[in-house]
Amino acid sequence: MDRSFSRQTIDLDAACKLLVESSAVRKLLISSLGEKDSSEAIALMRSGDLTGDLGATIHDLLSDVIMNESVPVGAATIQAEHDQYPLLINEYEGIYWIWTPDIDPIGYFKLKADATSFIEFNWGDSAIIEDEQNPLKDN
């Protein structure tokens, strides 16, 4: 991950330190890896260093579950010079990430406010039209 995007972005290794506290993530590890490997996986996640074969497995497992089971917690439309496209802030077990069709994944955020700040900084010269039912900023 290119950290030049934002000081607030974190990679999956760092996000694991937060995700490991989630009971849903622990259940996922046990059901996917079994008791023995899930204990080792929890230790790797706590260290924030997903190394080796087990680290690669955890990385793939969490990347997929974050992508597929996240829920939108903020939505907007970006009105660029010649185009319009959707943008979402998604959340999975306390980790936030931004989805939009025009950029590759940029990393994760510990706070929704950090993701919103990133959006405002990077698309501030475009019109950001927030979804009234699911705004980017919490009230």
Foldseek 3Di string as FASTA:
>chain_A
DDCVLDVQFDAVLQVLLQVLPDPVVLVVLCVVPNDPLSVVVSVSSNVSHQDDPSSVVSVVSVVVCQVPVWDFQWKWWWADPPDIWIKTWTDDNQKTWIDTVPDDTDHIGNDLVRVVVSCCVVRVVTDIGTDPVRHSDDD
